[in-house]
Amino acid sequence: NMVRNGRSLSEAFEMSGAIPPALMS
């Protein structure tokens, strides 16, 4: 939903906590 509303993929993953921080970079 965040990506749909204009967030970047990395931002959306980081804000939602969907994936571990180690993969965010």
PDB file of all heavy atoms in Angstrom:
ATOM      1  N   ASN A   1       0.821  -1.213   0.000  1.00  0.00           N
ATOM      2  CA  ASN A   1       0.000   0.000   0.000  1.00  0.00           C
ATOM      3  C   ASN A   1       0.856   1.264   0.000  1.00  0.00           C
ATOM      4  O   ASN A   1       0.507   2.269  -0.630  1.00  0.00           O
ATOM      5  CB  ASN A   1      -0.933   0.001   1.211  1.00  0.00           C
ATOM      6  CG  ASN A   1      -2.111  -0.932   1.036  1.00  0.00           C
ATOM      7  OD1 ASN A   1      -2.499  -1.236  -0.096  1.00  0.00           O
ATOM      8  ND2 ASN A   1      -2.677  -1.405   2.135  1.00  0.00           N
ATOM      9  N   MET A   2       1.973   1.225   0.720  1.00  0.00           N
ATOM     10  CA  MET A   2       2.874   2.388   0.736  1.00  0.00           C
ATOM     11  C   MET A   2       3.466   2.648  -0.645  1.00  0.00           C
ATOM     12  O   MET A   2       3.574   3.800  -1.078  1.00  0.00           O
ATOM     13  CB  MET A   2       3.990   2.159   1.764  1.00  0.00           C
ATOM     14  CG  MET A   2       3.533   2.193   3.205  1.00  0.00           C
ATOM     15  SD  MET A   2       4.918   1.872   4.340  1.00  0.00           S
ATOM     16  CE  MET A   2       4.037   1.623   5.885  1.00  0.00           C
ATOM     17  N   VAL A   3       3.873   1.582  -1.335  1.00  0.00           N
ATOM     18  CA  VAL A   3       4.404   1.731  -2.696  1.00  0.00           C
ATOM     19  C   VAL A   3       3.321   2.270  -3.618  1.00  0.00           C
ATOM     20  O   VAL A   3       3.572   3.149  -4.462  1.00  0.00           O
ATOM     21  CB  VAL A   3       4.943   0.388  -3.223  1.00  0.00           C
ATOM     22  CG1 VAL A   3       5.367   0.510  -4.685  1.00  0.00           C
ATOM     23  CG2 VAL A   3       6.124  -0.080  -2.390  1.00  0.00           C
ATOM     24  N   ARG A   4       2.108   1.772  -3.456  1.00  0.00           N
ATOM     25  CA  ARG A   4       0.990   2.246  -4.272  1.00  0.00           C
ATOM     26  C   ARG A   4       0.725   3.732  -4.049  1.00  0.00           C
ATOM     27  O   ARG A   4       0.292   4.445  -4.962  1.00  0.00           O
ATOM     28  CB  ARG A   4      -0.263   1.424  -3.943  1.00  0.00           C
ATOM     29  CG  ARG A   4      -1.451   1.738  -4.835  1.00  0.00           C
ATOM     30  CD  ARG A   4      -2.664   0.904  -4.491  1.00  0.00           C
ATOM     31  NE  ARG A   4      -2.482  -0.481  -4.902  1.00  0.00           N
ATOM     32  CZ  ARG A   4      -2.402  -1.500  -4.062  1.00  0.00           C
ATOM     33  NH1 ARG A   4      -2.433  -1.289  -2.758  1.00  0.00           N
ATOM     34  NH2 ARG A   4      -2.251  -2.726  -4.513  1.00  0.00           N
ATOM     35  N   ASN A   5       0.993   4.190  -2.834  1.00  0.00           N
ATOM     36  CA  ASN A   5       0.754   5.600  -2.499  1.00  0.00           C
ATOM     37  C   ASN A   5       1.966   6.495  -2.737  1.00  0.00           C
ATOM     38  O   ASN A   5       1.973   7.659  -2.327  1.00  0.00           O
ATOM     39  CB  ASN A   5       0.318   5.714  -1.034  1.00  0.00           C
ATOM     40  CG  ASN A   5      -1.062   5.120  -0.799  1.00  0.00           C
ATOM     41  OD1 ASN A   5      -1.920   5.168  -1.676  1.00  0.00           O
ATOM     42  ND2 ASN A   5      -1.271   4.539   0.377  1.00  0.00           N
ATOM     43  N   GLY A   6       3.003   5.948  -3.393  1.00  0.00           N
ATOM     44  CA  GLY A   6       4.105   6.796  -3.809  1.00  0.00           C
ATOM     45  C   GLY A   6       5.422   6.590  -3.106  1.00  0.00           C
ATOM     46  O   GLY A   6       6.420   7.222  -3.475  1.00  0.00           O
ATOM     47  N   ARG A   7       5.481   5.730  -2.096  1.00  0.00           N
ATOM     48  CA  ARG A   7       6.749   5.474  -1.410  1.00  0.00           C
ATOM     49  C   ARG A   7       7.650   4.603  -2.280  1.00  0.00           C
ATOM     50  O   ARG A   7       7.181   3.821  -3.102  1.00  0.00           O
ATOM     51  CB  ARG A   7       6.503   4.757  -0.080  1.00  0.00           C
ATOM     52  CG  ARG A   7       5.751   5.576   0.946  1.00  0.00           C
ATOM     53  CD  ARG A   7       6.659   6.562   1.630  1.00  0.00           C
ATOM     54  NE  ARG A   7       5.971   7.280   2.699  1.00  0.00           N
ATOM     55  CZ  ARG A   7       6.541   8.214   3.441  1.00  0.00           C
ATOM     56  NH1 ARG A   7       7.804   8.540   3.240  1.00  0.00           N
ATOM     57  NH2 ARG A   7       5.856   8.841   4.381  1.00  0.00           N
ATOM     58  N   SER A   8       8.953   4.755  -2.090  1.00  0.00           N
ATOM     59  CA  SER A   8       9.879   3.847  -2.764  1.00  0.00           C
ATOM     60  C   SER A   8       9.790   2.478  -2.103  1.00  0.00           C
ATOM     61  O   SER A   8       9.319   2.346  -0.970  1.00  0.00           O
ATOM     62  CB  SER A   8      11.304   4.376  -2.692  1.00  0.00           C
ATOM     63  OG  SER A   8      11.792   4.308  -1.362  1.00  0.00           O
ATOM     64  N   LEU A   9      10.270   1.466  -2.815  1.00  0.00           N
ATOM     65  CA  LEU A   9      10.184   0.098  -2.297  1.00  0.00           C
ATOM     66  C   LEU A   9      10.985  -0.055  -1.007  1.00  0.00           C
ATOM     67  O   LEU A   9      10.515  -0.666  -0.040  1.00  0.00           O
ATOM     68  CB  LEU A   9      10.693  -0.877  -3.356  1.00  0.00           C
ATOM     69  CG  LEU A   9      10.487  -2.361  -3.074  1.00  0.00           C
ATOM     70  CD1 LEU A   9       9.014  -2.685  -2.924  1.00  0.00           C
ATOM     71  CD2 LEU A   9      11.094  -3.201  -4.198  1.00  0.00           C
ATOM     72  N   SER A  10      12.187   0.504  -0.979  1.00  0.00           N
ATOM     73  CA  SER A  10      13.026   0.388   0.220  1.00  0.00           C
ATOM     74  C   SER A  10      12.399   1.122   1.402  1.00  0.00           C
ATOM     75  O   SER A  10      12.442   0.631   2.538  1.00  0.00           O
ATOM     76  CB  SER A  10      14.431   0.933  -0.061  1.00  0.00           C
ATOM     77  OG  SER A  10      14.376   2.268  -0.517  1.00  0.00           O
ATOM     78  N   GLU A  11      11.813   2.279   1.148  1.00  0.00           N
ATOM     79  CA  GLU A  11      11.146   3.024   2.218  1.00  0.00           C
ATOM     80  C   GLU A  11       9.964   2.239   2.767  1.00  0.00           C
ATOM     81  O   GLU A  11       9.750   2.177   3.984  1.00  0.00           O
ATOM     82  CB  GLU A  11      10.672   4.383   1.702  1.00  0.00           C
ATOM     83  CG  GLU A  11      11.765   5.402   1.487  1.00  0.00           C
ATOM     84  CD  GLU A  11      11.230   6.708   0.917  1.00  0.00           C
ATOM     85  OE1 GLU A  11      10.169   6.683   0.259  1.00  0.00           O
ATOM     86  OE2 GLU A  11      11.867   7.745   1.131  1.00  0.00           O
ATOM     87  N   ALA A  12       9.180   1.656   1.861  1.00  0.00           N
ATOM     88  CA  ALA A  12       7.999   0.896   2.275  1.00  0.00           C
ATOM     89  C   ALA A  12       8.388  -0.312   3.112  1.00  0.00           C
ATOM     90  O   ALA A  12       7.768  -0.598   4.146  1.00  0.00           O
ATOM     91  CB  ALA A  12       7.211   0.452   1.043  1.00  0.00           C
ATOM     92  N   PHE A  13       9.420  -1.033   2.683  1.00  0.00           N
ATOM     93  CA  PHE A  13       9.877  -2.196   3.438  1.00  0.00           C
ATOM     94  C   PHE A  13      10.397  -1.784   4.822  1.00  0.00           C
ATOM     95  O   PHE A  13      10.158  -2.460   5.820  1.00  0.00           O
ATOM     96  CB  PHE A  13      10.966  -2.936   2.670  1.00  0.00           C
ATOM     97  CG  PHE A  13      10.447  -3.855   1.605  1.00  0.00           C
ATOM     98  CD1 PHE A  13      11.200  -4.121   0.461  1.00  0.00           C
ATOM     99  CD2 PHE A  13       9.213  -4.464   1.727  1.00  0.00           C
ATOM    100  CE1 PHE A  13      10.729  -4.971  -0.521  1.00  0.00           C
ATOM    101  CE2 PHE A  13       8.725  -5.314   0.743  1.00  0.00           C
ATOM    102  CZ  PHE A  13       9.485  -5.562  -0.375  1.00  0.00           C
ATOM    103  N   GLU A  14      11.116  -0.683   4.854  1.00  0.00           N
ATOM    104  CA  GLU A  14      11.692  -0.228   6.119  1.00  0.00           C
ATOM    105  C   GLU A  14      10.610   0.228   7.093  1.00  0.00           C
ATOM    106  O   GLU A  14      10.630  -0.118   8.275  1.00  0.00           O
ATOM    107  CB  GLU A  14      12.671   0.911   5.864  1.00  0.00           C
ATOM    108  CG  GLU A  14      13.402   1.386   7.115  1.00  0.00           C
ATOM    109  CD  GLU A  14      14.433   2.450   6.826  1.00  0.00           C
ATOM    110  OE1 GLU A  14      14.479   2.952   5.683  1.00  0.00           O
ATOM    111  OE2 GLU A  14      15.211   2.782   7.746  1.00  0.00           O
ATOM    112  N   MET A  15       9.639   1.000   6.604  1.00  0.00           N
ATOM    113  CA  MET A  15       8.586   1.543   7.469  1.00  0.00           C
ATOM    114  C   MET A  15       7.630   0.453   7.954  1.00  0.00           C
ATOM    115  O   MET A  15       7.117   0.516   9.074  1.00  0.00           O
ATOM    116  CB  MET A  15       7.813   2.627   6.734  1.00  0.00           C
ATOM    117  CG  MET A  15       8.639   3.871   6.420  1.00  0.00           C
ATOM    118  SD  MET A  15       7.743   5.077   5.426  1.00  0.00           S
ATOM    119  CE  MET A  15       6.465   5.581   6.584  1.00  0.00           C
ATOM    120  N   SER A  16       7.397  -0.557   7.128  1.00  0.00           N
ATOM    121  CA  SER A  16       6.468  -1.630   7.499  1.00  0.00           C
ATOM    122  C   SER A  16       7.140  -2.722   8.325  1.00  0.00           C
ATOM    123  O   SER A  16       6.456  -3.496   8.994  1.00  0.00           O
ATOM    124  CB  SER A  16       5.856  -2.257   6.241  1.00  0.00           C
ATOM    125  OG  SER A  16       6.856  -2.904   5.474  1.00  0.00           O
ATOM    126  N   GLY A  17       8.471  -2.789   8.263  1.00  0.00           N
ATOM    127  CA  GLY A  17       9.181  -3.860   8.966  1.00  0.00           C
ATOM    128  C   GLY A  17       8.991  -5.204   8.308  1.00  0.00           C
ATOM    129  O   GLY A  17       9.109  -6.245   8.956  1.00  0.00           O
ATOM    130  N   ALA A  18       8.699  -5.193   6.994  1.00  0.00           N
ATOM    131  CA  ALA A  18       8.390  -6.436   6.296  1.00  0.00           C
ATOM    132  C   ALA A  18       9.601  -7.338   6.119  1.00  0.00           C
ATOM    133  O   ALA A  18       9.472  -8.562   6.115  1.00  0.00           O
ATOM    134  CB  ALA A  18       7.763  -6.128   4.931  1.00  0.00           C
ATOM    135  N   ILE A  19      10.783  -6.739   5.952  1.00  0.00           N
ATOM    136  CA  ILE A  19      11.983  -7.549   5.787  1.00  0.00           C
ATOM    137  C   ILE A  19      13.040  -7.090   6.781  1.00  0.00           C
ATOM    138  O   ILE A  19      13.002  -5.942   7.237  1.00  0.00           O
ATOM    139  CB  ILE A  19      12.528  -7.480   4.340  1.00  0.00           C
ATOM    140  CG1 ILE A  19      13.005  -6.064   4.005  1.00  0.00           C
ATOM    141  CG2 ILE A  19      11.490  -7.945   3.343  1.00  0.00           C
ATOM    142  CD1 ILE A  19      13.661  -5.970   2.649  1.00  0.00           C
ATOM    143  N   PRO A  20      13.986  -7.972   7.132  1.00  0.00           N
ATOM    144  CA  PRO A  20      15.025  -7.612   8.114  1.00  0.00           C
ATOM    145  C   PRO A  20      15.871  -6.437   7.639  1.00  0.00           C
ATOM    146  O   PRO A  20      16.084  -6.264   6.427  1.00  0.00           O
ATOM    147  CB  PRO A  20      15.859  -8.892   8.219  1.00  0.00           C
ATOM    148  CG  PRO A  20      14.974  -9.987   7.738  1.00  0.00           C
ATOM    149  CD  PRO A  20      14.105  -9.373   6.699  1.00  0.00           C
ATOM    150  N   PRO A  21      16.376  -5.644   8.564  1.00  0.00           N
ATOM    151  CA  PRO A  21      17.213  -4.480   8.209  1.00  0.00           C
ATOM    152  C   PRO A  21      18.434  -4.858   7.372  1.00  0.00           C
ATOM    153  O   PRO A  21      18.899  -4.058   6.560  1.00  0.00           O
ATOM    154  CB  PRO A  21      17.626  -3.921   9.566  1.00  0.00           C
ATOM    155  CG  PRO A  21      16.567  -4.379  10.516  1.00  0.00           C
ATOM    156  CD  PRO A  21      16.131  -5.718  10.010  1.00  0.00           C
ATOM    157  N   ALA A  22      18.952  -6.071   7.577  1.00  0.00           N
ATOM    158  CA  ALA A  22      20.156  -6.489   6.850  1.00  0.00           C
ATOM    159  C   ALA A  22      19.938  -6.503   5.338  1.00  0.00           C
ATOM    160  O   ALA A  22      20.891  -6.362   4.559  1.00  0.00           O
ATOM    161  CB  ALA A  22      20.589  -7.876   7.324  1.00  0.00           C
ATOM    162  N   LEU A  23      18.692  -6.679   4.908  1.00  0.00           N
ATOM    163  CA  LEU A  23      18.395  -6.735   3.480  1.00  0.00           C
ATOM    164  C   LEU A  23      18.012  -5.379   2.897  1.00  0.00           C
ATOM    165  O   LEU A  23      17.920  -5.230   1.669  1.00  0.00           O
ATOM    166  CB  LEU A  23      17.262  -7.735   3.213  1.00  0.00           C
ATOM    167  CG  LEU A  23      17.520  -9.183   3.638  1.00  0.00           C
ATOM    168  CD1 LEU A  23      16.281 -10.019   3.416  1.00  0.00           C
ATOM    169  CD2 LEU A  23      18.693  -9.761   2.869  1.00  0.00           C
ATOM    170  N   MET A  24      17.762  -4.410   3.766  1.00  0.00           N
ATOM    171  CA  MET A  24      17.304  -3.108   3.311  1.00  0.00           C
ATOM    172  C   MET A  24      18.334  -2.422   2.413  1.00  0.00           C
ATOM    173  O   MET A  24      17.974  -1.808   1.404  1.00  0.00           O
ATOM    174  CB  MET A  24      16.986  -2.210   4.508  1.00  0.00           C
ATOM    175  CG  MET A  24      15.749  -2.620   5.285  1.00  0.00           C
ATOM    176  SD  MET A  24      14.295  -2.801   4.247  1.00  0.00           S
ATOM    177  CE  MET A  24      14.317  -1.254   3.374  1.00  0.00           C
ATOM    178  N   SER A  25      19.611  -2.515   2.777  1.00  0.00           N
ATOM    179  CA  SER A  25      20.649  -1.861   1.984  1.00  0.00           C
ATOM    180  C   SER A  25      20.722  -2.448   0.581  1.00  0.00           C
ATOM    181  O   SER A  25      20.987  -1.725  -0.396  1.00  0.00           O
ATOM    182  CB  SER A  25      22.008  -1.997   2.676  1.00  0.00           C
ATOM    183  OG  SER A  25      22.335  -3.369   2.872  1.00  0.00           O
TER     184      SER A  25
END
